[in-house]
Amino acid sequence: MPVLKTREGVEIFYKDWGSGQPIVFSHGWPLSADDWDAQMMFFVNHGFRVVAHDRRGHGRSSQVDGGHDMDHYADDLAELTAHLDLKDAVHVGHSTGGGEVVHYIARHGESRVAKAAILAAVPPLMLKTAANPGGLPKEVFDGFQAQLAANRSQFYHDVAAGPFYGFNRPGATVSQALVWNWWRQGMMGGAKAHYDGIVAFSQTDFTEDLKKITVPVLVMHGDDDQVVPYADSGPLSARLLKNGTLKTYKGFPHGMPTTEAATINADLLAFIRG
């Protein structure tokens, strides 16, 4: 099993398939590299090298009690890209992973990066503040932490069966297999990492990170995202980026890389080859 041991001694599990230009995938909270199955298979079959890791405290990586913040997430990713000597890489991040990608590029530079794509991503800032009046109140995220601490298994089932994939919408076709796969990934990780991670994804302000990035970035967001609301995320990120392009998907949910994989994969491929 491929594992990187970081300078801090944290074991980071990763997948590394194929050859060609590398595409590096950063997953959302509280999932794992497995959430990128539809993209990994598509792009390895199109001649790319595909890499995805389990964030610290998630999936098969070490369930350490500390470092569950964007600085550590970005630094772990930087160590992985250096370990694999990835160059001319395209970084793709979903949800929290989009924040990880943005913070990684801003913090560690663009020498290894060709392009990036952030999907239903948390930047610029999810939390409602005086400067970000369209954000979500802190009480929402406090509630997430309370539900996780009380009954993580039930909470994860309810997220997947409800807002994440839009299965709570009238007339939605529910895939129970997707619900259980989401639940499986979440329960593989550590409760402490996931609890702390709620603060990391909701309270980190990526505004200055976005302004620093000069490589082309595709911002992909569904307008029916119930987890990271569209109006306070995708359009704002695209405006802050020097070379950002916004692509809005009518009716797509937060989990669109899975439920709408054919559309998302085709658009990513066109962006990478363009």
C-alpha atoms as a PDB file:
ATOM      1  CA  MET A   1       0.000   0.000   0.000  1.00  0.00           C
ATOM      2  CA  PRO A   2       1.639   3.277  -1.115  1.00  0.00           C
ATOM      3  CA  VAL A   3       2.227   5.479   1.908  1.00  0.00           C
ATOM      4  CA  LEU A   4       4.237   8.682   2.377  1.00  0.00           C
ATOM      5  CA  LYS A   5       5.604   9.337   5.850  1.00  0.00           C
ATOM      6  CA  THR A   6       5.774  13.103   6.258  1.00  0.00           C
ATOM      7  CA  ARG A   7       8.440  14.996   8.160  1.00  0.00           C
ATOM      8  CA  GLU A   8       6.042  15.004  11.102  1.00  0.00           C
ATOM      9  CA  GLY A   9       5.750  11.232  10.912  1.00  0.00           C
ATOM     10  CA  VAL A  10       2.183  11.241   9.580  1.00  0.00           C
ATOM     11  CA  GLU A  11       1.453   8.401   7.156  1.00  0.00           C
ATOM     12  CA  ILE A  12      -0.423   9.632   4.081  1.00  0.00           C
ATOM     13  CA  PHE A  13      -1.994   6.937   1.907  1.00  0.00           C
ATOM     14  CA  TYR A  14      -2.116   7.660  -1.818  1.00  0.00           C
ATOM     15  CA  LYS A  15      -2.994   6.136  -5.179  1.00  0.00           C
ATOM     16  CA  ASP A  16      -0.730   6.693  -8.178  1.00  0.00           C
ATOM     17  CA  TRP A  17      -1.925   5.203 -11.452  1.00  0.00           C
ATOM     18  CA  GLY A  18      -0.856   5.543 -15.075  1.00  0.00           C
ATOM     19  CA  SER A  19       1.611   7.815 -16.830  1.00  0.00           C
ATOM     20  CA  GLY A  20       1.569  11.126 -18.643  1.00  0.00           C
ATOM     21  CA  GLN A  21       0.685  14.564 -17.338  1.00  0.00           C
ATOM     22  CA  PRO A  22      -0.256  14.226 -13.655  1.00  0.00           C
ATOM     23  CA  ILE A  23      -3.666  15.134 -12.306  1.00  0.00           C
ATOM     24  CA  VAL A  24      -3.773  15.366  -8.509  1.00  0.00           C
ATOM     25  CA  PHE A  25      -7.133  15.022  -6.763  1.00  0.00           C
ATOM     26  CA  SER A  26      -7.948  16.430  -3.300  1.00  0.00           C
ATOM     27  CA  HIS A  27     -11.119  15.025  -1.730  1.00  0.00           C
ATOM     28  CA  GLY A  28     -13.850  16.620   0.335  1.00  0.00           C
ATOM     29  CA  TRP A  29     -14.719  16.286   4.019  1.00  0.00           C
ATOM     30  CA  PRO A  30     -14.972  13.648   5.568  1.00  0.00           C
ATOM     31  CA  LEU A  31     -14.188  11.367   2.645  1.00  0.00           C
ATOM     32  CA  SER A  32     -11.129   9.758   1.037  1.00  0.00           C
ATOM     33  CA  ALA A  33      -9.360   9.300  -2.281  1.00  0.00           C
ATOM     34  CA  ASP A  34     -12.072   6.758  -3.149  1.00  0.00           C
ATOM     35  CA  ASP A  35     -14.498   9.615  -3.752  1.00  0.00           C
ATOM     36  CA  TRP A  36     -12.595  10.305  -6.985  1.00  0.00           C
ATOM     37  CA  ASP A  37     -13.189   6.842  -8.490  1.00  0.00           C
ATOM     38  CA  ALA A  38     -15.188   8.190 -11.435  1.00  0.00           C
ATOM     39  CA  GLN A  39     -12.500  10.755 -12.279  1.00  0.00           C
ATOM     40  CA  MET A  40      -9.488   8.497 -11.633  1.00  0.00           C
ATOM     41  CA  MET A  41     -10.798   5.797 -13.971  1.00  0.00           C
ATOM     42  CA  PHE A  42     -11.797   8.292 -16.655  1.00  0.00           C
ATOM     43  CA  PHE A  43      -8.505  10.170 -16.749  1.00  0.00           C
ATOM     44  CA  VAL A  44      -6.172   7.174 -16.446  1.00  0.00           C
ATOM     45  CA  ASN A  45      -7.993   5.763 -19.486  1.00  0.00           C
ATOM     46  CA  HIS A  46      -7.361   9.055 -21.313  1.00  0.00           C
ATOM     47  CA  GLY A  47      -3.592   8.832 -20.916  1.00  0.00           C
ATOM     48  CA  PHE A  48      -3.020  10.796 -17.713  1.00  0.00           C
ATOM     49  CA  ARG A  49      -1.192   9.934 -14.525  1.00  0.00           C
ATOM     50  CA  VAL A  50      -3.716  10.218 -11.703  1.00  0.00           C
ATOM     51  CA  VAL A  51      -2.831  10.713  -8.048  1.00  0.00           C
ATOM     52  CA  ALA A  52      -5.163  10.960  -5.060  1.00  0.00           C
ATOM     53  CA  HIS A  53      -4.394  10.836  -1.356  1.00  0.00           C
ATOM     54  CA  ASP A  54      -6.336  10.394   1.857  1.00  0.00           C
ATOM     55  CA  ARG A  55      -5.967  13.601   3.880  1.00  0.00           C
ATOM     56  CA  ARG A  56      -4.447  13.172   7.351  1.00  0.00           C
ATOM     57  CA  GLY A  57      -7.041  11.719   9.689  1.00  0.00           C
ATOM     58  CA  HIS A  58      -9.148  10.524   6.736  1.00  0.00           C
ATOM     59  CA  GLY A  59      -9.458   7.184   4.988  1.00  0.00           C
ATOM     60  CA  ARG A  60      -6.336   5.032   5.321  1.00  0.00           C
ATOM     61  CA  SER A  61      -4.010   7.807   6.494  1.00  0.00           C
ATOM     62  CA  SER A  62      -2.846   8.218  10.098  1.00  0.00           C
ATOM     63  CA  GLN A  63      -5.552   9.134  12.604  1.00  0.00           C
ATOM     64  CA  VAL A  64      -3.370  11.702  14.337  1.00  0.00           C
ATOM     65  CA  ASP A  65      -4.914  14.044  16.878  1.00  0.00           C
ATOM     66  CA  GLY A  66      -3.437  17.279  15.533  1.00  0.00           C
ATOM     67  CA  GLY A  67      -2.711  19.257  12.403  1.00  0.00           C
ATOM     68  CA  HIS A  68      -6.272  19.265  11.100  1.00  0.00           C
ATOM     69  CA  ASP A  69      -6.037  22.716   9.528  1.00  0.00           C
ATOM     70  CA  MET A  70      -5.417  24.111   6.065  1.00  0.00           C
ATOM     71  CA  ASP A  71      -1.716  24.792   6.649  1.00  0.00           C
ATOM     72  CA  HIS A  72      -1.062  21.137   7.459  1.00  0.00           C
ATOM     73  CA  TYR A  73      -3.330  19.922   4.654  1.00  0.00           C
ATOM     74  CA  ALA A  74      -1.420  22.061   2.146  1.00  0.00           C
ATOM     75  CA  ASP A  75       1.967  21.055   3.543  1.00  0.00           C
ATOM     76  CA  ASP A  76       1.098  17.344   3.388  1.00  0.00           C
ATOM     77  CA  LEU A  77       0.079  17.800  -0.248  1.00  0.00           C
ATOM     78  CA  ALA A  78       3.327  19.641  -0.971  1.00  0.00           C
ATOM     79  CA  GLU A  79       5.334  16.777   0.538  1.00  0.00           C
ATOM     80  CA  LEU A  80       3.416  14.290  -1.603  1.00  0.00           C
ATOM     81  CA  THR A  81       3.993  16.215  -4.848  1.00  0.00           C
ATOM     82  CA  ALA A  82       7.702  16.504  -4.032  1.00  0.00           C
ATOM     83  CA  HIS A  83       7.936  12.821  -3.055  1.00  0.00           C
ATOM     84  CA  LEU A  84       6.433  11.807  -6.405  1.00  0.00           C
ATOM     85  CA  ASP A  85       8.338  14.599  -8.219  1.00  0.00           C
ATOM     86  CA  LEU A  86       5.182  15.762  -9.959  1.00  0.00           C
ATOM     87  CA  LYS A  87       5.667  18.491 -12.557  1.00  0.00           C
ATOM     88  CA  ASP A  88       3.253  20.328 -14.845  1.00  0.00           C
ATOM     89  CA  ALA A  89       0.469  18.985 -12.621  1.00  0.00           C
ATOM     90  CA  VAL A  90      -3.205  19.808 -12.739  1.00  0.00           C
ATOM     91  CA  HIS A  91      -4.699  20.009  -9.235  1.00  0.00           C
ATOM     92  CA  VAL A  92      -8.381  19.230  -8.842  1.00  0.00           C
ATOM     93  CA  GLY A  93     -10.132  19.772  -5.507  1.00  0.00           C
ATOM     94  CA  HIS A  94     -13.713  19.153  -4.416  1.00  0.00           C
ATOM     95  CA  SER A  95     -15.327  21.014  -1.505  1.00  0.00           C
ATOM     96  CA  THR A  96     -12.739  21.093   1.326  1.00  0.00           C
ATOM     97  CA  GLY A  97     -10.266  19.729  -1.216  1.00  0.00           C
ATOM     98  CA  GLY A  98     -10.801  22.873  -3.269  1.00  0.00           C
ATOM     99  CA  GLY A  99      -9.644  24.899  -0.288  1.00  0.00           C
ATOM    100  CA  GLU A 100      -6.674  22.571   0.095  1.00  0.00           C
ATOM    101  CA  VAL A 101      -5.690  23.103  -3.551  1.00  0.00           C
ATOM    102  CA  VAL A 102      -6.006  26.887  -3.338  1.00  0.00           C
ATOM    103  CA  HIS A 103      -4.014  27.067  -0.107  1.00  0.00           C
ATOM    104  CA  TYR A 104      -1.358  24.654  -1.429  1.00  0.00           C
ATOM    105  CA  ILE A 105      -0.724  26.719  -4.567  1.00  0.00           C
ATOM    106  CA  ALA A 106      -0.687  30.032  -2.698  1.00  0.00           C
ATOM    107  CA  ARG A 107       1.528  28.684   0.100  1.00  0.00           C
ATOM    108  CA  HIS A 108       3.980  26.580  -1.914  1.00  0.00           C
ATOM    109  CA  GLY A 109       4.082  28.303  -5.293  1.00  0.00           C
ATOM    110  CA  GLU A 110       3.329  27.323  -8.852  1.00  0.00           C
ATOM    111  CA  SER A 111       6.613  25.708  -9.945  1.00  0.00           C
ATOM    112  CA  ARG A 112       4.996  22.249 -10.111  1.00  0.00           C
ATOM    113  CA  VAL A 113       1.521  23.418 -11.162  1.00  0.00           C
ATOM    114  CA  ALA A 114       0.110  23.910 -14.665  1.00  0.00           C
ATOM    115  CA  LYS A 115      -3.580  24.449 -13.932  1.00  0.00           C
ATOM    116  CA  ALA A 116      -6.184  23.870 -11.239  1.00  0.00           C
ATOM    117  CA  ALA A 117      -9.888  23.189 -10.962  1.00  0.00           C
ATOM    118  CA  ILE A 118     -12.009  23.664  -7.865  1.00  0.00           C
ATOM    119  CA  LEU A 119     -15.397  21.955  -7.733  1.00  0.00           C
ATOM    120  CA  ALA A 120     -18.183  22.973  -5.334  1.00  0.00           C
ATOM    121  CA  ALA A 121     -15.324  24.349  -3.276  1.00  0.00           C
ATOM    122  CA  VAL A 122     -15.346  26.129   0.084  1.00  0.00           C
ATOM    123  CA  PRO A 123     -13.362  29.281  -0.907  1.00  0.00           C
ATOM    124  CA  PRO A 124     -13.402  32.192  -0.450  1.00  0.00           C
ATOM    125  CA  LEU A 125     -14.991  31.782   3.028  1.00  0.00           C
ATOM    126  CA  MET A 126     -17.981  29.780   4.217  1.00  0.00           C
ATOM    127  CA  LEU A 127     -18.460  31.543   7.564  1.00  0.00           C
ATOM    128  CA  LYS A 128     -20.699  34.587   7.874  1.00  0.00           C
ATOM    129  CA  THR A 129     -18.717  37.616   9.050  1.00  0.00           C
ATOM    130  CA  ALA A 130     -19.065  41.386   8.788  1.00  0.00           C
ATOM    131  CA  ALA A 131     -16.926  41.254   5.643  1.00  0.00           C
ATOM    132  CA  ASN A 132     -18.730  38.141   4.336  1.00  0.00           C
ATOM    133  CA  PRO A 133     -22.434  38.746   5.058  1.00  0.00           C
ATOM    134  CA  GLY A 134     -23.565  36.044   2.624  1.00  0.00           C
ATOM    135  CA  GLY A 135     -21.845  33.265   4.566  1.00  0.00           C
ATOM    136  CA  LEU A 136     -23.412  30.713   6.879  1.00  0.00           C
ATOM    137  CA  PRO A 137     -23.740  31.488  10.611  1.00  0.00           C
ATOM    138  CA  LYS A 138     -21.252  29.852  12.970  1.00  0.00           C
ATOM    139  CA  GLU A 139     -24.170  28.065  14.644  1.00  0.00           C
ATOM    140  CA  VAL A 140     -24.571  25.917  11.516  1.00  0.00           C
ATOM    141  CA  PHE A 141     -21.061  24.535  11.856  1.00  0.00           C
ATOM    142  CA  ASP A 142     -21.351  24.235  15.628  1.00  0.00           C
ATOM    143  CA  GLY A 143     -24.373  22.059  14.918  1.00  0.00           C
ATOM    144  CA  PHE A 144     -22.335  19.863  12.580  1.00  0.00           C
ATOM    145  CA  GLN A 145     -19.781  19.314  15.328  1.00  0.00           C
ATOM    146  CA  ALA A 146     -22.473  18.519  17.889  1.00  0.00           C
ATOM    147  CA  GLN A 147     -24.118  15.961  15.594  1.00  0.00           C
ATOM    148  CA  LEU A 148     -20.759  14.374  14.785  1.00  0.00           C
ATOM    149  CA  ALA A 149     -19.841  14.066  18.457  1.00  0.00           C
ATOM    150  CA  ALA A 150     -23.256  12.668  19.418  1.00  0.00           C
ATOM    151  CA  ASN A 151     -23.724  10.068  16.665  1.00  0.00           C
ATOM    152  CA  ARG A 152     -21.271  10.271  13.793  1.00  0.00           C
ATOM    153  CA  SER A 153     -22.688   7.219  12.029  1.00  0.00           C
ATOM    154  CA  GLN A 154     -26.210   8.648  11.870  1.00  0.00           C
ATOM    155  CA  PHE A 155     -24.978  12.110  10.935  1.00  0.00           C
ATOM    156  CA  TYR A 156     -22.947  10.773   8.010  1.00  0.00           C
ATOM    157  CA  HIS A 157     -25.859   8.709   6.746  1.00  0.00           C
ATOM    158  CA  ASP A 158     -28.171  11.715   6.909  1.00  0.00           C
ATOM    159  CA  VAL A 159     -25.754  14.004   5.050  1.00  0.00           C
ATOM    160  CA  ALA A 160     -25.296  11.522   2.214  1.00  0.00           C
ATOM    161  CA  ALA A 161     -28.981  10.580   2.015  1.00  0.00           C
ATOM    162  CA  GLY A 162     -30.005  14.232   2.048  1.00  0.00           C
ATOM    163  CA  PRO A 163     -28.269  17.421   0.927  1.00  0.00           C
ATOM    164  CA  PHE A 164     -24.887  16.129  -0.318  1.00  0.00           C
ATOM    165  CA  TYR A 165     -26.233  14.473  -3.466  1.00  0.00           C
ATOM    166  CA  GLY A 166     -29.530  16.349  -3.544  1.00  0.00           C
ATOM    167  CA  PHE A 167     -31.403  13.158  -2.680  1.00  0.00           C
ATOM    168  CA  ASN A 168     -33.734  15.250  -0.497  1.00  0.00           C
ATOM    169  CA  ARG A 169     -35.087  17.111  -3.528  1.00  0.00           C
ATOM    170  CA  PRO A 170     -38.615  16.262  -4.760  1.00  0.00           C
ATOM    171  CA  GLY A 171     -38.475  13.583  -7.444  1.00  0.00           C
ATOM    172  CA  ALA A 172     -34.801  12.759  -6.854  1.00  0.00           C
ATOM    173  CA  THR A 173     -33.677   9.248  -7.749  1.00  0.00           C
ATOM    174  CA  VAL A 174     -31.890   8.025  -4.647  1.00  0.00           C
ATOM    175  CA  SER A 175     -28.910   5.673  -4.999  1.00  0.00           C
ATOM    176  CA  GLN A 176     -28.608   3.791  -1.717  1.00  0.00           C
ATOM    177  CA  ALA A 177     -25.245   2.457  -2.892  1.00  0.00           C
ATOM    178  CA  LEU A 178     -23.883   6.010  -3.112  1.00  0.00           C
ATOM    179  CA  VAL A 179     -25.228   6.786   0.350  1.00  0.00           C
ATOM    180  CA  TRP A 180     -23.498   3.776   1.879  1.00  0.00           C
ATOM    181  CA  ASN A 181     -20.264   4.396  -0.016  1.00  0.00           C
ATOM    182  CA  TRP A 182     -20.180   7.954   1.351  1.00  0.00           C
ATOM    183  CA  TRP A 183     -20.912   6.605   4.832  1.00  0.00           C
ATOM    184  CA  ARG A 184     -18.187   3.956   4.433  1.00  0.00           C
ATOM    185  CA  GLN A 185     -15.571   6.532   3.505  1.00  0.00           C
ATOM    186  CA  GLY A 186     -16.531   8.829   6.348  1.00  0.00           C
ATOM    187  CA  MET A 187     -16.471   6.107   8.975  1.00  0.00           C
ATOM    188  CA  MET A 188     -12.984   4.989   7.853  1.00  0.00           C
ATOM    189  CA  GLY A 189     -11.540   8.275   9.100  1.00  0.00           C
ATOM    190  CA  GLY A 190     -11.024   9.603  12.604  1.00  0.00           C
ATOM    191  CA  ALA A 191     -13.719  11.432  14.544  1.00  0.00           C
ATOM    192  CA  LYS A 192     -11.207  13.946  15.963  1.00  0.00           C
ATOM    193  CA  ALA A 193      -9.871  14.821  12.500  1.00  0.00           C
ATOM    194  CA  HIS A 194     -13.379  15.263  11.143  1.00  0.00           C
ATOM    195  CA  TYR A 195     -14.508  17.345  14.132  1.00  0.00           C
ATOM    196  CA  ASP A 196     -11.534  19.701  13.803  1.00  0.00           C
ATOM    197  CA  GLY A 197     -11.875  19.680  10.023  1.00  0.00           C
ATOM    198  CA  ILE A 198     -15.261  21.389  10.276  1.00  0.00           C
ATOM    199  CA  VAL A 199     -13.470  24.451  11.665  1.00  0.00           C
ATOM    200  CA  ALA A 200     -10.800  24.206   8.965  1.00  0.00           C
ATOM    201  CA  PHE A 201     -13.226  24.185   6.045  1.00  0.00           C
ATOM    202  CA  SER A 202     -15.682  26.711   7.471  1.00  0.00           C
ATOM    203  CA  GLN A 203     -13.469  29.339   9.089  1.00  0.00           C
ATOM    204  CA  THR A 204     -10.441  29.511   6.779  1.00  0.00           C
ATOM    205  CA  ASP A 205     -10.480  32.680   4.674  1.00  0.00           C
ATOM    206  CA  PHE A 206      -8.955  31.935   1.249  1.00  0.00           C
ATOM    207  CA  THR A 207      -9.382  35.446  -0.157  1.00  0.00           C
ATOM    208  CA  GLU A 208      -5.684  36.336  -0.222  1.00  0.00           C
ATOM    209  CA  ASP A 209      -4.759  32.845  -1.461  1.00  0.00           C
ATOM    210  CA  LEU A 210      -7.048  33.236  -4.455  1.00  0.00           C
ATOM    211  CA  LYS A 211      -5.512  36.610  -5.304  1.00  0.00           C
ATOM    212  CA  LYS A 212      -1.994  35.106  -5.388  1.00  0.00           C
ATOM    213  CA  ILE A 213      -2.730  32.387  -7.951  1.00  0.00           C
ATOM    214  CA  THR A 214      -1.802  33.111 -11.565  1.00  0.00           C
ATOM    215  CA  VAL A 215      -2.225  29.715 -13.266  1.00  0.00           C
ATOM    216  CA  PRO A 216      -5.551  29.057 -15.027  1.00  0.00           C
ATOM    217  CA  VAL A 217      -8.234  27.896 -12.616  1.00  0.00           C
ATOM    218  CA  LEU A 218     -11.615  26.458 -13.574  1.00  0.00           C
ATOM    219  CA  VAL A 219     -14.257  27.134 -10.917  1.00  0.00           C
ATOM    220  CA  MET A 220     -17.079  24.572 -11.244  1.00  0.00           C
ATOM    221  CA  HIS A 221     -20.186  24.894  -9.069  1.00  0.00           C
ATOM    222  CA  GLY A 222     -23.781  23.724  -9.134  1.00  0.00           C
ATOM    223  CA  ASP A 223     -26.464  26.294  -8.423  1.00  0.00           C
ATOM    224  CA  ASP A 224     -28.408  23.786  -6.291  1.00  0.00           C
ATOM    225  CA  ASP A 225     -25.494  23.105  -3.933  1.00  0.00           C
ATOM    226  CA  GLN A 226     -27.003  22.737  -0.445  1.00  0.00           C
ATOM    227  CA  VAL A 227     -23.659  22.227   1.311  1.00  0.00           C
ATOM    228  CA  VAL A 228     -21.525  25.070  -0.085  1.00  0.00           C
ATOM    229  CA  PRO A 229     -24.105  27.605  -1.294  1.00  0.00           C
ATOM    230  CA  TYR A 230     -23.365  28.823  -4.805  1.00  0.00           C
ATOM    231  CA  ALA A 231     -23.780  32.605  -4.477  1.00  0.00           C
ATOM    232  CA  ASP A 232     -21.172  32.994  -1.730  1.00  0.00           C
ATOM    233  CA  SER A 233     -18.576  30.675  -3.226  1.00  0.00           C
ATOM    234  CA  GLY A 234     -18.039  29.948  -6.923  1.00  0.00           C
ATOM    235  CA  PRO A 235     -18.728  33.406  -8.413  1.00  0.00           C
ATOM    236  CA  LEU A 236     -16.723  35.171  -5.688  1.00  0.00           C
ATOM    237  CA  SER A 237     -13.720  32.843  -6.130  1.00  0.00           C
ATOM    238  CA  ALA A 238     -13.724  33.308  -9.889  1.00  0.00           C
ATOM    239  CA  ARG A 239     -13.638  37.087  -9.493  1.00  0.00           C
ATOM    240  CA  LEU A 240     -10.729  36.976  -7.038  1.00  0.00           C
ATOM    241  CA  LEU A 241      -8.569  34.761  -9.267  1.00  0.00           C
ATOM    242  CA  LYS A 242      -6.298  36.416 -11.816  1.00  0.00           C
ATOM    243  CA  ASN A 243      -7.022  33.732 -14.401  1.00  0.00           C
ATOM    244  CA  GLY A 244     -10.257  32.161 -13.215  1.00  0.00           C
ATOM    245  CA  THR A 245     -13.172  30.858 -15.271  1.00  0.00           C
ATOM    246  CA  LEU A 246     -16.565  30.156 -13.698  1.00  0.00           C
ATOM    247  CA  LYS A 247     -18.709  27.300 -14.983  1.00  0.00           C
ATOM    248  CA  THR A 248     -22.154  27.112 -13.405  1.00  0.00           C
ATOM    249  CA  TYR A 249     -24.258  23.936 -13.531  1.00  0.00           C
ATOM    250  CA  LYS A 250     -28.000  24.377 -13.319  1.00  0.00           C
ATOM    251  CA  GLY A 251     -29.540  22.065 -10.741  1.00  0.00           C
ATOM    252  CA  PHE A 252     -26.333  20.177  -9.904  1.00  0.00           C
ATOM    253  CA  PRO A 253     -25.808  19.183  -6.244  1.00  0.00           C
ATOM    254  CA  HIS A 254     -22.719  19.386  -4.061  1.00  0.00           C
ATOM    255  CA  GLY A 255     -21.741  15.818  -4.917  1.00  0.00           C
ATOM    256  CA  MET A 256     -21.772  16.512  -8.663  1.00  0.00           C
ATOM    257  CA  PRO A 257     -18.397  14.823  -9.390  1.00  0.00           C
ATOM    258  CA  THR A 258     -20.206  11.550  -8.620  1.00  0.00           C
ATOM    259  CA  THR A 259     -23.814  12.097  -9.649  1.00  0.00           C
ATOM    260  CA  GLU A 260     -22.910  14.093 -12.773  1.00  0.00           C
ATOM    261  CA  ALA A 261     -19.552  12.466 -13.524  1.00  0.00           C
ATOM    262  CA  ALA A 262     -19.997  12.322 -17.319  1.00  0.00           C
ATOM    263  CA  THR A 263     -20.534  16.085 -17.590  1.00  0.00           C
ATOM    264  CA  ILE A 264     -17.872  16.999 -15.029  1.00  0.00           C
ATOM    265  CA  ASN A 265     -15.249  14.703 -16.573  1.00  0.00           C
ATOM    266  CA  ALA A 266     -15.846  16.002 -20.091  1.00  0.00           C
ATOM    267  CA  ASP A 267     -15.550  19.619 -18.950  1.00  0.00           C
ATOM    268  CA  LEU A 268     -12.395  18.903 -16.938  1.00  0.00           C
ATOM    269  CA  LEU A 269     -10.833  17.143 -19.923  1.00  0.00           C
ATOM    270  CA  ALA A 270     -11.616  20.079 -22.212  1.00  0.00           C
ATOM    271  CA  PHE A 271     -10.110  22.510 -19.682  1.00  0.00           C
ATOM    272  CA  ILE A 272      -6.942  20.458 -19.185  1.00  0.00           C
ATOM    273  CA  ARG A 273      -6.397  19.997 -22.920  1.00  0.00           C
ATOM    274  CA  GLY A 274      -7.392  23.553 -23.796  1.00  0.00           C
END
